[in-house]
């Protein structure tokens, strides 16, 4: 019974930090992509809505690159908190 509570607690702690770092990394990456796309629109006249759609299409590619780092940092923060 205690082992199940410990597993649930560890899972909740790790997933909490995983989601937190996921949003941090994703927001930074999207801000960088949007600024890069806005500079491109100065040369090619594209609407702002199209830039947002293009940025949303880049999210799956970004996730495949940053998920290992997110997992490492999430585990690191959760085990630091447990110490």
C-alpha atoms as a PDB file:
ATOM      1  CA  UNK A   1       0.000   0.000   0.000  1.00  0.00           C
ATOM      2  CA  UNK A   2       2.788   2.439   0.853  1.00  0.00           C
ATOM      3  CA  UNK A   3       4.634   1.502  -2.325  1.00  0.00           C
ATOM      4  CA  UNK A   4       1.637   2.519  -4.437  1.00  0.00           C
ATOM      5  CA  UNK A   5       1.427   5.893  -2.716  1.00  0.00           C
ATOM      6  CA  UNK A   6       5.135   6.455  -3.285  1.00  0.00           C
ATOM      7  CA  UNK A   7       4.813   5.586  -6.977  1.00  0.00           C
ATOM      8  CA  UNK A   8       1.855   7.927  -7.381  1.00  0.00           C
ATOM      9  CA  UNK A   9       3.703  10.720  -5.580  1.00  0.00           C
ATOM     10  CA  UNK A  10       6.817  10.268  -7.732  1.00  0.00           C
ATOM     11  CA  UNK A  11       4.749  10.180 -10.905  1.00  0.00           C
ATOM     12  CA  UNK A  12       2.910  13.365  -9.957  1.00  0.00           C
ATOM     13  CA  UNK A  13       6.135  15.192  -9.081  1.00  0.00           C
ATOM     14  CA  UNK A  14       7.910  14.150 -12.272  1.00  0.00           C
ATOM     15  CA  UNK A  15       4.910  14.939 -14.484  1.00  0.00           C
ATOM     16  CA  UNK A  16       4.440  18.342 -12.809  1.00  0.00           C
ATOM     17  CA  UNK A  17       8.006  19.414 -13.585  1.00  0.00           C
ATOM     18  CA  UNK A  18       7.844  17.802 -17.034  1.00  0.00           C
ATOM     19  CA  UNK A  19       4.793  19.867 -17.984  1.00  0.00           C
ATOM     20  CA  UNK A  20       6.278  23.035 -16.477  1.00  0.00           C
ATOM     21  CA  UNK A  21       9.523  22.731 -18.418  1.00  0.00           C
ATOM     22  CA  UNK A  22       7.625  21.671 -21.543  1.00  0.00           C
ATOM     23  CA  UNK A  23       5.685  24.936 -21.556  1.00  0.00           C
ATOM     24  CA  UNK A  24       8.817  26.963 -20.832  1.00  0.00           C
ATOM     25  CA  UNK A  25      10.844  25.400 -23.640  1.00  0.00           C
ATOM     26  CA  UNK A  26       7.935  25.462 -26.067  1.00  0.00           C
ATOM     27  CA  UNK A  27       7.158  29.111 -25.400  1.00  0.00           C
ATOM     28  CA  UNK A  28      10.781  30.146 -25.893  1.00  0.00           C
ATOM     29  CA  UNK A  29      11.033  28.136 -29.101  1.00  0.00           C
ATOM     30  CA  UNK A  30       7.768  29.537 -30.443  1.00  0.00           C
ATOM     31  CA  UNK A  31       8.787  33.103 -29.625  1.00  0.00           C
ATOM     32  CA  UNK A  32      12.028  32.613 -31.517  1.00  0.00           C
ATOM     33  CA  UNK A  33      10.214  31.053 -34.477  1.00  0.00           C
ATOM     34  CA  UNK A  34       7.583  33.787 -34.604  1.00  0.00           C
ATOM     35  CA  UNK A  35      10.194  36.548 -34.563  1.00  0.00           C
ATOM     36  CA  UNK A  36      12.093  34.787 -37.323  1.00  0.00           C
ATOM     37  CA  UNK A  37       8.918  34.435 -39.370  1.00  0.00           C
ATOM     38  CA  UNK A  38       8.044  38.099 -38.821  1.00  0.00           C
ATOM     39  CA  UNK A  39      11.399  39.127 -40.268  1.00  0.00           C
ATOM     40  CA  UNK A  40      10.723  36.941 -43.288  1.00  0.00           C
ATOM     41  CA  UNK A  41       7.368  38.646 -43.810  1.00  0.00           C
ATOM     42  CA  UNK A  42       9.129  41.945 -44.377  1.00  0.00           C
ATOM     43  CA  UNK A  43      10.518  40.490 -47.592  1.00  0.00           C
ATOM     44  CA  UNK A  44       7.497  38.395 -48.564  1.00  0.00           C
ATOM     45  CA  UNK A  45       4.111  39.902 -47.823  1.00  0.00           C
ATOM     46  CA  UNK A  46       2.301  37.293 -45.706  1.00  0.00           C
ATOM     47  CA  UNK A  47      -0.535  37.911 -43.275  1.00  0.00           C
ATOM     48  CA  UNK A  48      -0.055  37.589 -39.505  1.00  0.00           C
ATOM     49  CA  UNK A  49      -2.612  34.774 -39.314  1.00  0.00           C
ATOM     50  CA  UNK A  50      -0.523  32.717 -41.733  1.00  0.00           C
ATOM     51  CA  UNK A  51       2.524  33.232 -39.519  1.00  0.00           C
ATOM     52  CA  UNK A  52       0.641  31.906 -36.511  1.00  0.00           C
ATOM     53  CA  UNK A  53      -0.541  28.874 -38.482  1.00  0.00           C
ATOM     54  CA  UNK A  54       3.015  28.178 -39.659  1.00  0.00           C
ATOM     55  CA  UNK A  55       4.247  28.396 -36.079  1.00  0.00           C
ATOM     56  CA  UNK A  56       1.612  25.913 -34.932  1.00  0.00           C
ATOM     57  CA  UNK A  57       2.689  23.500 -37.661  1.00  0.00           C
ATOM     58  CA  UNK A  58       6.235  23.617 -36.288  1.00  0.00           C
ATOM     59  CA  UNK A  59       5.227  22.366 -32.807  1.00  0.00           C
ATOM     60  CA  UNK A  60       5.471  18.586 -33.549  1.00  0.00           C
ATOM     61  CA  UNK A  61       8.952  19.020 -34.991  1.00  0.00           C
ATOM     62  CA  UNK A  62      10.002  21.068 -31.962  1.00  0.00           C
ATOM     63  CA  UNK A  63       8.627  18.449 -29.583  1.00  0.00           C
ATOM     64  CA  UNK A  64      10.670  15.659 -31.121  1.00  0.00           C
ATOM     65  CA  UNK A  65      13.813  17.695 -30.578  1.00  0.00           C
ATOM     66  CA  UNK A  66      13.205  19.061 -27.081  1.00  0.00           C
ATOM     67  CA  UNK A  67      11.405  16.189 -25.294  1.00  0.00           C
ATOM     68  CA  UNK A  68      14.645  14.419 -24.234  1.00  0.00           C
ATOM     69  CA  UNK A  69      15.934  17.628 -22.680  1.00  0.00           C
ATOM     70  CA  UNK A  70      12.610  18.268 -21.003  1.00  0.00           C
ATOM     71  CA  UNK A  71      12.620  14.778 -19.525  1.00  0.00           C
ATOM     72  CA  UNK A  72      16.157  15.183 -18.182  1.00  0.00           C
ATOM     73  CA  UNK A  73      15.441  18.574 -16.623  1.00  0.00           C
ATOM     74  CA  UNK A  74      12.097  17.397 -15.247  1.00  0.00           C
ATOM     75  CA  UNK A  75      13.727  14.405 -13.553  1.00  0.00           C
ATOM     76  CA  UNK A  76      16.537  16.584 -12.273  1.00  0.00           C
ATOM     77  CA  UNK A  77      14.186  19.120 -10.705  1.00  0.00           C
ATOM     78  CA  UNK A  78      11.919  16.479  -9.193  1.00  0.00           C
ATOM     79  CA  UNK A  79      14.811  14.607  -7.591  1.00  0.00           C
ATOM     80  CA  UNK A  80      16.315  17.851  -6.311  1.00  0.00           C
ATOM     81  CA  UNK A  81      12.993  18.567  -4.654  1.00  0.00           C
ATOM     82  CA  UNK A  82      12.948  15.071  -3.129  1.00  0.00           C
ATOM     83  CA  UNK A  83      16.370  15.643  -1.599  1.00  0.00           C
END
